[in-house]
C-alpha atoms as a PDB file:
ATOM      1  CA  MET A   1      37.805  57.380  33.808  1.00  0.00           C
ATOM      2  CA  LYS A   2      37.677  60.133  36.400  1.00  0.00           C
ATOM      3  CA  ILE A   3      40.610  61.081  38.657  1.00  0.00           C
ATOM      4  CA  ALA A   4      40.348  63.632  41.469  1.00  0.00           C
ATOM      5  CA  LEU A   5      43.275  65.507  42.983  1.00  0.00           C
ATOM      6  CA  MET A   6      43.275  67.639  46.125  1.00  0.00           C
ATOM      7  CA  ASP A   7      45.514  70.224  47.785  1.00  0.00           C
ATOM      8  CA  SER A   8      45.128  73.571  49.473  1.00  0.00           C
ATOM      9  CA  GLY A   9      46.550  75.281  46.397  1.00  0.00           C
ATOM     10  CA  ILE A  10      48.334  74.691  43.105  1.00  0.00           C
ATOM     11  CA  GLY A  11      50.899  72.217  44.404  1.00  0.00           C
ATOM     12  CA  LEU A  12      48.695  69.531  42.833  1.00  0.00           C
ATOM     13  CA  LEU A  13      49.515  70.812  39.333  1.00  0.00           C
ATOM     14  CA  ALA A  14      52.548  68.575  38.870  1.00  0.00           C
ATOM     15  CA  ALA A  15      50.601  65.387  39.593  1.00  0.00           C
ATOM     16  CA  THR A  16      47.642  66.642  37.558  1.00  0.00           C
ATOM     17  CA  ALA A  17      49.837  67.229  34.524  1.00  0.00           C
ATOM     18  CA  ALA A  18      51.379  63.778  35.004  1.00  0.00           C
ATOM     19  CA  VAL A  19      47.932  62.167  34.982  1.00  0.00           C
ATOM     20  CA  ARG A  20      46.948  64.205  31.936  1.00  0.00           C
ATOM     21  CA  ARG A  21      50.048  63.036  30.049  1.00  0.00           C
ATOM     22  CA  LEU A  22      49.466  59.380  30.957  1.00  0.00           C
ATOM     23  CA  ARG A  23      45.727  59.463  30.215  1.00  0.00           C
ATOM     24  CA  PRO A  24      44.625  62.410  28.064  1.00  0.00           C
ATOM     25  CA  ASP A  25      41.143  60.889  28.048  1.00  0.00           C
ATOM     26  CA  ALA A  26      40.677  60.997  31.843  1.00  0.00           C
ATOM     27  CA  ASP A  27      38.244  63.490  33.340  1.00  0.00           C
ATOM     28  CA  LEU A  28      40.011  65.432  36.108  1.00  0.00           C
ATOM     29  CA  ILE A  29      38.544  67.017  39.225  1.00  0.00           C
ATOM     30  CA  LEU A  30      40.832  69.435  41.063  1.00  0.00           C
ATOM     31  CA  SER A  31      39.674  70.253  44.588  1.00  0.00           C
ATOM     32  CA  LEU A  32      41.509  73.228  46.145  1.00  0.00           C
ATOM     33  CA  ASP A  33      40.959  75.148  49.363  1.00  0.00           C
ATOM     34  CA  PRO A  34      41.615  78.870  48.780  1.00  0.00           C
ATOM     35  CA  ASP A  35      39.457  79.696  51.827  1.00  0.00           C
ATOM     36  CA  GLY A  36      41.728  77.654  54.104  1.00  0.00           C
ATOM     37  CA  MET A  37      45.175  77.904  52.555  1.00  0.00           C
ATOM     38  CA  PRO A  38      47.939  77.527  53.486  1.00  0.00           C
ATOM     39  CA  TRP A  39      47.501  74.253  55.319  1.00  0.00           C
ATOM     40  CA  GLY A  40      51.079  74.024  56.579  1.00  0.00           C
ATOM     41  CA  PRO A  41      50.741  76.311  59.636  1.00  0.00           C
ATOM     42  CA  ARG A  42      47.499  74.647  60.781  1.00  0.00           C
ATOM     43  CA  THR A  43      47.328  72.119  63.594  1.00  0.00           C
ATOM     44  CA  PRO A  44      47.111  68.505  62.430  1.00  0.00           C
ATOM     45  CA  GLU A  45      43.488  68.367  63.571  1.00  0.00           C
ATOM     46  CA  ASP A  46      42.517  71.541  61.733  1.00  0.00           C
ATOM     47  CA  LEU A  47      44.392  70.507  58.605  1.00  0.00           C
ATOM     48  CA  THR A  48      42.671  67.128  58.627  1.00  0.00           C
ATOM     49  CA  ALA A  49      39.254  68.780  58.899  1.00  0.00           C
ATOM     50  CA  ARG A  50      40.048  71.044  55.923  1.00  0.00           C
ATOM     51  CA  ALA A  51      41.369  68.105  53.925  1.00  0.00           C
ATOM     52  CA  LEU A  52      38.280  66.018  54.621  1.00  0.00           C
ATOM     53  CA  ALA A  53      36.019  68.841  53.425  1.00  0.00           C
ATOM     54  CA  VAL A  54      38.025  69.229  50.223  1.00  0.00           C
ATOM     55  CA  ALA A  55      37.953  65.469  49.664  1.00  0.00           C
ATOM     56  CA  GLU A  56      34.201  65.312  50.203  1.00  0.00           C
ATOM     57  CA  ALA A  57      33.712  68.045  47.597  1.00  0.00           C
ATOM     58  CA  ALA A  58      35.728  65.978  45.124  1.00  0.00           C
ATOM     59  CA  ALA A  59      33.962  62.745  46.078  1.00  0.00           C
ATOM     60  CA  ALA A  60      30.609  64.281  45.180  1.00  0.00           C
ATOM     61  CA  HIS A  61      31.773  64.065  41.551  1.00  0.00           C
ATOM     62  CA  ARG A  62      32.194  60.290  41.918  1.00  0.00           C
ATOM     63  CA  PRO A  63      35.861  59.910  40.945  1.00  0.00           C
ATOM     64  CA  ASP A  64      37.475  56.515  40.444  1.00  0.00           C
ATOM     65  CA  ALA A  65      40.466  57.554  42.583  1.00  0.00           C
ATOM     66  CA  LEU A  66      41.682  60.502  44.669  1.00  0.00           C
ATOM     67  CA  ILE A  67      45.274  61.745  44.711  1.00  0.00           C
ATOM     68  CA  VAL A  68      46.377  63.760  47.732  1.00  0.00           C
ATOM     69  CA  GLY A  69      48.663  66.169  45.874  1.00  0.00           C
ATOM     70  CA  CYS A  70      50.266  67.556  49.012  1.00  0.00           C
ATOM     71  CA  ASN A  71      53.006  66.145  51.224  1.00  0.00           C
ATOM     72  CA  THR A  72      51.752  67.872  54.383  1.00  0.00           C
ATOM     73  CA  ALA A  73      48.178  66.634  53.926  1.00  0.00           C
ATOM     74  CA  THR A  74      49.494  63.129  53.288  1.00  0.00           C
ATOM     75  CA  VAL A  75      51.440  63.194  56.552  1.00  0.00           C
ATOM     76  CA  HIS A  76      48.544  64.343  58.698  1.00  0.00           C
ATOM     77  CA  ALA A  77      45.314  63.400  56.945  1.00  0.00           C
ATOM     78  CA  LEU A  78      45.881  60.277  54.836  1.00  0.00           C
ATOM     79  CA  PRO A  79      44.473  57.794  57.400  1.00  0.00           C
ATOM     80  CA  ALA A  80      41.335  59.917  57.864  1.00  0.00           C
ATOM     81  CA  LEU A  81      40.898  60.358  54.112  1.00  0.00           C
ATOM     82  CA  ARG A  82      41.188  56.620  53.538  1.00  0.00           C
ATOM     83  CA  ALA A  83      38.739  55.917  56.351  1.00  0.00           C
ATOM     84  CA  LEU A  84      36.285  58.323  54.689  1.00  0.00           C
ATOM     85  CA  LEU A  85      36.538  57.139  51.087  1.00  0.00           C
ATOM     86  CA  GLU A  86      38.003  53.669  50.793  1.00  0.00           C
ATOM     87  CA  PRO A  87      37.346  51.056  49.544  1.00  0.00           C
ATOM     88  CA  GLU A  88      34.925  52.778  47.150  1.00  0.00           C
ATOM     89  CA  VAL A  89      37.491  55.423  46.134  1.00  0.00           C
ATOM     90  CA  PRO A  90      41.191  54.521  46.387  1.00  0.00           C
ATOM     91  CA  VAL A  91      43.235  57.325  47.986  1.00  0.00           C
ATOM     92  CA  VAL A  92      46.849  57.809  46.882  1.00  0.00           C
ATOM     93  CA  GLY A  93      49.155  59.914  49.042  1.00  0.00           C
ATOM     94  CA  THR A  94      52.311  61.825  48.081  1.00  0.00           C
ATOM     95  CA  VAL A  95      55.547  60.765  49.767  1.00  0.00           C
ATOM     96  CA  PRO A  96      58.987  62.328  49.124  1.00  0.00           C
ATOM     97  CA  ALA A  97      60.960  60.209  46.632  1.00  0.00           C
ATOM     98  CA  ILE A  98      63.708  59.347  49.126  1.00  0.00           C
ATOM     99  CA  LYS A  99      63.915  55.658  48.198  1.00  0.00           C
ATOM    100  CA  PRO A 100      64.679  56.101  44.477  1.00  0.00           C
ATOM    101  CA  ALA A 101      66.966  59.028  45.245  1.00  0.00           C
ATOM    102  CA  ALA A 102      69.035  56.971  47.675  1.00  0.00           C
ATOM    103  CA  ALA A 103      69.105  54.031  45.263  1.00  0.00           C
ATOM    104  CA  GLY A 104      71.021  56.210  42.823  1.00  0.00           C
ATOM    105  CA  GLY A 105      73.771  56.872  45.334  1.00  0.00           C
ATOM    106  CA  GLY A 106      74.578  60.147  46.959  1.00  0.00           C
ATOM    107  CA  PRO A 107      75.056  62.488  48.524  1.00  0.00           C
ATOM    108  CA  VAL A 108      71.362  63.475  48.603  1.00  0.00           C
ATOM    109  CA  ALA A 109      69.651  66.675  49.725  1.00  0.00           C
ATOM    110  CA  ILE A 110      65.966  66.739  50.643  1.00  0.00           C
ATOM    111  CA  TRP A 111      64.382  70.127  50.063  1.00  0.00           C
ATOM    112  CA  ALA A 112      61.222  70.447  52.147  1.00  0.00           C
ATOM    113  CA  THR A 113      59.145  72.956  54.060  1.00  0.00           C
ATOM    114  CA  PRO A 114      60.527  74.015  57.467  1.00  0.00           C
ATOM    115  CA  ALA A 115      57.726  72.066  59.162  1.00  0.00           C
ATOM    116  CA  THR A 116      58.656  68.841  57.366  1.00  0.00           C
ATOM    117  CA  THR A 117      62.421  69.273  57.639  1.00  0.00           C
ATOM    118  CA  GLY A 118      63.644  67.436  60.706  1.00  0.00           C
ATOM    119  CA  SER A 119      60.192  66.002  61.413  1.00  0.00           C
ATOM    120  CA  ALA A 120      59.789  62.493  62.767  1.00  0.00           C
ATOM    121  CA  TYR A 121      57.943  61.629  59.557  1.00  0.00           C
ATOM    122  CA  GLN A 122      60.821  62.615  57.274  1.00  0.00           C
ATOM    123  CA  ARG A 123      63.475  61.201  59.594  1.00  0.00           C
ATOM    124  CA  ASN A 124      61.663  57.860  59.576  1.00  0.00           C
ATOM    125  CA  LEU A 125      61.587  57.852  55.768  1.00  0.00           C
ATOM    126  CA  ILE A 126      65.311  58.558  55.688  1.00  0.00           C
ATOM    127  CA  LYS A 127      66.003  55.792  58.206  1.00  0.00           C
ATOM    128  CA  GLU A 128      63.823  53.313  56.297  1.00  0.00           C
ATOM    129  CA  PHE A 129      64.892  54.057  52.734  1.00  0.00           C
ATOM    130  CA  ALA A 130      68.211  55.906  52.620  1.00  0.00           C
ATOM    131  CA  GLY A 131      70.441  53.187  54.064  1.00  0.00           C
ATOM    132  CA  ASP A 132      74.044  54.389  54.222  1.00  0.00           C
ATOM    133  CA  THR A 133      73.469  57.217  51.733  1.00  0.00           C
ATOM    134  CA  GLU A 134      74.567  60.625  53.000  1.00  0.00           C
ATOM    135  CA  VAL A 135      71.423  62.770  53.343  1.00  0.00           C
ATOM    136  CA  THR A 136      71.129  66.478  54.136  1.00  0.00           C
ATOM    137  CA  GLU A 137      67.762  67.953  55.075  1.00  0.00           C
ATOM    138  CA  VAL A 138      67.367  71.449  53.616  1.00  0.00           C
ATOM    139  CA  PRO A 139      64.556  73.708  54.889  1.00  0.00           C
ATOM    140  CA  CYS A 140      63.059  76.015  52.259  1.00  0.00           C
ATOM    141  CA  PRO A 141      61.186  78.787  54.102  1.00  0.00           C
ATOM    142  CA  GLY A 142      58.834  80.736  51.890  1.00  0.00           C
ATOM    143  CA  LEU A 143      59.380  78.705  48.730  1.00  0.00           C
ATOM    144  CA  ALA A 144      55.997  76.956  48.613  1.00  0.00           C
ATOM    145  CA  ASP A 145      54.175  80.233  49.259  1.00  0.00           C
ATOM    146  CA  ALA A 146      56.211  82.023  46.597  1.00  0.00           C
ATOM    147  CA  VAL A 147      55.411  79.298  44.060  1.00  0.00           C
ATOM    148  CA  GLU A 148      51.745  79.371  45.042  1.00  0.00           C
ATOM    149  CA  HIS A 149      51.565  83.059  44.163  1.00  0.00           C
ATOM    150  CA  ALA A 150      53.969  82.874  41.193  1.00  0.00           C
ATOM    151  CA  ASP A 151      56.050  85.568  42.885  1.00  0.00           C
ATOM    152  CA  GLU A 152      59.189  85.494  40.751  1.00  0.00           C
ATOM    153  CA  ALA A 153      61.409  87.547  43.056  1.00  0.00           C
ATOM    154  CA  ALA A 154      60.362  85.560  46.122  1.00  0.00           C
ATOM    155  CA  ILE A 155      60.944  82.266  44.277  1.00  0.00           C
ATOM    156  CA  ASP A 156      64.452  83.362  43.295  1.00  0.00           C
ATOM    157  CA  ALA A 157      65.257  84.445  46.844  1.00  0.00           C
ATOM    158  CA  ALA A 158      63.923  81.254  48.459  1.00  0.00           C
ATOM    159  CA  VAL A 159      65.675  78.994  45.952  1.00  0.00           C
ATOM    160  CA  ALA A 160      68.970  80.861  46.429  1.00  0.00           C
ATOM    161  CA  ALA A 161      68.690  80.593  50.230  1.00  0.00           C
ATOM    162  CA  ALA A 162      68.042  76.840  50.070  1.00  0.00           C
ATOM    163  CA  ALA A 163      70.824  76.329  47.530  1.00  0.00           C
ATOM    164  CA  ALA A 164      73.235  78.037  49.926  1.00  0.00           C
ATOM    165  CA  LEU A 165      72.355  75.403  52.548  1.00  0.00           C
ATOM    166  CA  THR A 166      72.868  72.515  50.107  1.00  0.00           C
ATOM    167  CA  PRO A 167      76.329  70.887  50.306  1.00  0.00           C
ATOM    168  CA  ASP A 168      78.541  71.344  47.255  1.00  0.00           C
ATOM    169  CA  ASP A 169      78.974  67.601  46.724  1.00  0.00           C
ATOM    170  CA  VAL A 170      75.244  66.809  46.491  1.00  0.00           C
ATOM    171  CA  THR A 171      74.414  64.893  43.310  1.00  0.00           C
ATOM    172  CA  THR A 172      70.696  64.385  43.915  1.00  0.00           C
ATOM    173  CA  VAL A 173      67.897  66.595  45.255  1.00  0.00           C
ATOM    174  CA  VAL A 174      64.565  65.251  46.477  1.00  0.00           C
ATOM    175  CA  LEU A 175      61.744  67.734  45.921  1.00  0.00           C
ATOM    176  CA  GLY A 176      59.923  67.126  49.184  1.00  0.00           C
ATOM    177  CA  CYS A 177      57.019  69.496  48.540  1.00  0.00           C
ATOM    178  CA  THR A 178      54.756  69.249  45.502  1.00  0.00           C
ATOM    179  CA  HIS A 179      55.047  72.993  44.864  1.00  0.00           C
ATOM    180  CA  TYR A 180      58.779  72.626  44.274  1.00  0.00           C
ATOM    181  CA  GLU A 181      58.226  70.430  41.224  1.00  0.00           C
ATOM    182  CA  LEU A 182      56.751  73.449  39.443  1.00  0.00           C
ATOM    183  CA  VAL A 183      60.143  75.214  39.638  1.00  0.00           C
ATOM    184  CA  ALA A 184      62.343  72.136  39.305  1.00  0.00           C
ATOM    185  CA  GLU A 185      64.609  73.557  36.605  1.00  0.00           C
ATOM    186  CA  ARG A 186      65.190  76.728  38.608  1.00  0.00           C
ATOM    187  CA  ILE A 187      66.246  74.555  41.529  1.00  0.00           C
ATOM    188  CA  ARG A 188      68.543  72.562  39.265  1.00  0.00           C
ATOM    189  CA  ALA A 189      70.176  75.749  37.956  1.00  0.00           C
ATOM    190  CA  ALA A 190      70.761  77.023  41.499  1.00  0.00           C
ATOM    191  CA  VAL A 191      72.322  73.807  42.841  1.00  0.00           C
ATOM    192  CA  GLN A 192      74.168  72.496  39.783  1.00  0.00           C
ATOM    193  CA  ARG A 193      77.947  72.793  40.099  1.00  0.00           C
ATOM    194  CA  PRO A 194      79.657  73.846  36.845  1.00  0.00           C
ATOM    195  CA  ASP A 195      82.262  71.088  37.123  1.00  0.00           C
ATOM    196  CA  GLY A 196      79.958  68.419  38.550  1.00  0.00           C
ATOM    197  CA  PRO A 197      77.732  65.730  37.017  1.00  0.00           C
ATOM    198  CA  ARG A 198      74.241  66.756  35.958  1.00  0.00           C
ATOM    199  CA  LEU A 199      72.134  67.134  39.093  1.00  0.00           C
ATOM    200  CA  VAL A 200      69.415  64.508  39.498  1.00  0.00           C
ATOM    201  CA  LEU A 201      66.023  65.734  40.722  1.00  0.00           C
ATOM    202  CA  HIS A 202      63.433  63.387  42.210  1.00  0.00           C
ATOM    203  CA  GLY A 203      59.815  64.507  42.417  1.00  0.00           C
ATOM    204  CA  SER A 204      56.756  62.417  43.194  1.00  0.00           C
ATOM    205  CA  ALA A 205      54.261  63.438  40.492  1.00  0.00           C
ATOM    206  CA  GLY A 206      54.971  60.695  37.967  1.00  0.00           C
ATOM    207  CA  ALA A 207      54.972  57.910  40.541  1.00  0.00           C
ATOM    208  CA  VAL A 208      51.754  59.178  42.147  1.00  0.00           C
ATOM    209  CA  ALA A 209      49.957  59.383  38.792  1.00  0.00           C
ATOM    210  CA  ALA A 210      51.071  55.875  37.852  1.00  0.00           C
ATOM    211  CA  GLN A 211      50.006  54.515  41.246  1.00  0.00           C
ATOM    212  CA  ALA A 212      46.536  56.037  40.883  1.00  0.00           C
ATOM    213  CA  LEU A 213      46.095  54.254  37.561  1.00  0.00           C
ATOM    214  CA  ARG A 214      47.290  50.975  39.061  1.00  0.00           C
ATOM    215  CA  ARG A 215      44.844  51.284  41.950  1.00  0.00           C
ATOM    216  CA  ILE A 216      41.910  51.430  39.522  1.00  0.00           C
ATOM    217  CA  GLY A 217      43.274  48.766  37.183  1.00  0.00           C
ATOM    218  CA  ALA A 218      44.016  51.172  34.320  1.00  0.00           C
ATOM    219  CA  ARG A 219      47.075  51.365  32.099  1.00  0.00           C
ATOM    220  CA  PRO A 220      48.907  54.435  30.799  1.00  0.00           C
ATOM    221  CA  ASP A 221      47.778  55.395  27.310  1.00  0.00           C
ATOM    222  CA  PRO A 222      49.482  58.650  26.329  1.00  0.00           C
ATOM    223  CA  GLY A 223      48.101  58.338  22.807  1.00  0.00           C
ATOM    224  CA  ALA A 224      44.455  58.278  23.890  1.00  0.00           C
ATOM    225  CA  PRO A 225      42.245  61.063  22.518  1.00  0.00           C
ATOM    226  CA  ALA A 226      42.650  64.298  24.491  1.00  0.00           C
ATOM    227  CA  ALA A 227      38.998  64.305  25.448  1.00  0.00           C
ATOM    228  CA  GLY A 228      39.284  64.484  29.244  1.00  0.00           C
ATOM    229  CA  THR A 229      37.478  67.366  30.919  1.00  0.00           C
ATOM    230  CA  LEU A 230      38.672  69.523  33.809  1.00  0.00           C
ATOM    231  CA  THR A 231      36.537  70.520  36.792  1.00  0.00           C
ATOM    232  CA  VAL A 232      37.986  72.917  39.367  1.00  0.00           C
ATOM    233  CA  LEU A 233      36.499  73.187  42.870  1.00  0.00           C
ATOM    234  CA  LEU A 234      37.508  76.109  45.085  1.00  0.00           C
ATOM    235  CA  SER A 235      36.618  75.279  48.705  1.00  0.00           C
ATOM    236  CA  GLY A 236      33.704  73.295  47.276  1.00  0.00           C
ATOM    237  CA  ARG A 237      32.571  75.898  44.735  1.00  0.00           C
ATOM    238  CA  GLU A 238      33.020  75.233  41.049  1.00  0.00           C
ATOM    239  CA  GLY A 239      35.438  77.704  39.471  1.00  0.00           C
ATOM    240  CA  THR A 240      38.524  77.943  37.286  1.00  0.00           C
ATOM    241  CA  LEU A 241      42.250  77.419  37.686  1.00  0.00           C
ATOM    242  CA  PRO A 242      43.768  80.160  39.858  1.00  0.00           C
ATOM    243  CA  ALA A 243      45.611  82.721  37.744  1.00  0.00           C
ATOM    244  CA  PRO A 244      49.067  81.841  39.170  1.00  0.00           C
ATOM    245  CA  ALA A 245      48.668  78.299  37.805  1.00  0.00           C
ATOM    246  CA  LEU A 246      49.117  79.653  34.305  1.00  0.00           C
ATOM    247  CA  ALA A 247      52.614  80.886  35.171  1.00  0.00           C
ATOM    248  CA  TYR A 248      53.791  77.258  35.034  1.00  0.00           C
ATOM    249  CA  ASP A 249      54.106  74.771  32.184  1.00  0.00           C
ATOM    250  CA  GLU A 250      51.836  72.328  34.040  1.00  0.00           C
ATOM    251  CA  GLY A 251      49.006  74.846  34.335  1.00  0.00           C
ATOM    252  CA  ARG A 252      49.327  75.938  30.723  1.00  0.00           C
ATOM    253  CA  LEU A 253      49.276  72.284  29.648  1.00  0.00           C
ATOM    254  CA  LEU A 254      45.981  71.699  31.415  1.00  0.00           C
ATOM    255  CA  ARG A 255      44.425  74.764  29.816  1.00  0.00           C
ATOM    256  CA  SER A 256      45.717  74.027  26.320  1.00  0.00           C
ATOM    257  CA  VAL A 257      44.764  70.354  26.044  1.00  0.00           C
ATOM    258  CA  THR A 258      41.485  70.360  27.971  1.00  0.00           C
ATOM    259  CA  PRO A 259      38.346  70.722  25.859  1.00  0.00           C
ATOM    260  CA  ALA A 260      35.731  73.273  26.796  1.00  0.00           C
ATOM    261  CA  ARG A 261      33.086  71.814  29.074  1.00  0.00           C
END
């Protein structure tokens, strides 16, 4: 079994670690775009072109499925990626976990990049899935970039700024950018009220990993031998995990359980 994941940077780590935990025997191909990152400020057309190039680099390794480990790329490039690769290679996008968050009651805050916050895409998801649940959209300027570079001071500052915009009565936070899942517990600590119920966080990594397995007719098998290999592509060139990846549990997991190639 071979699963590919793509993103401009290390935001794909959360989904990658989720796949690794579900199927330790799966070979993983990570296709990143350090030459073109960040994708967020790019026009939709430019972003789609970058995403297609990254996907083609991954597809050359003949994966069974491709996970788009980036919310922004899913918004703008998913139809083009599916047109390029499907039906031969199923393509699984990453959507903010608004539906399960709203199902648990509220109030809910959605932490997302400034570009996504207030966008027609996110507003439509809220309208479709949140029902009568009270939802606050919280922009998080600089947080994804700080996580990408493992800049501790910048992460703390961005998390504190977003927490200040999050209403005190929020019981659930949707992590609307894949980078945010890498600092989920820091977000919890910043938003958690001392006298309130334990804050519920909703990321997308687990659901995306499970969906990729379903699309190829495979079942989770966490007890399988940890024999899966790891291939890293950097703007199409074979390389290694970027150094900042090892600042996070997910990156260290991939390094520790992946056999030498």
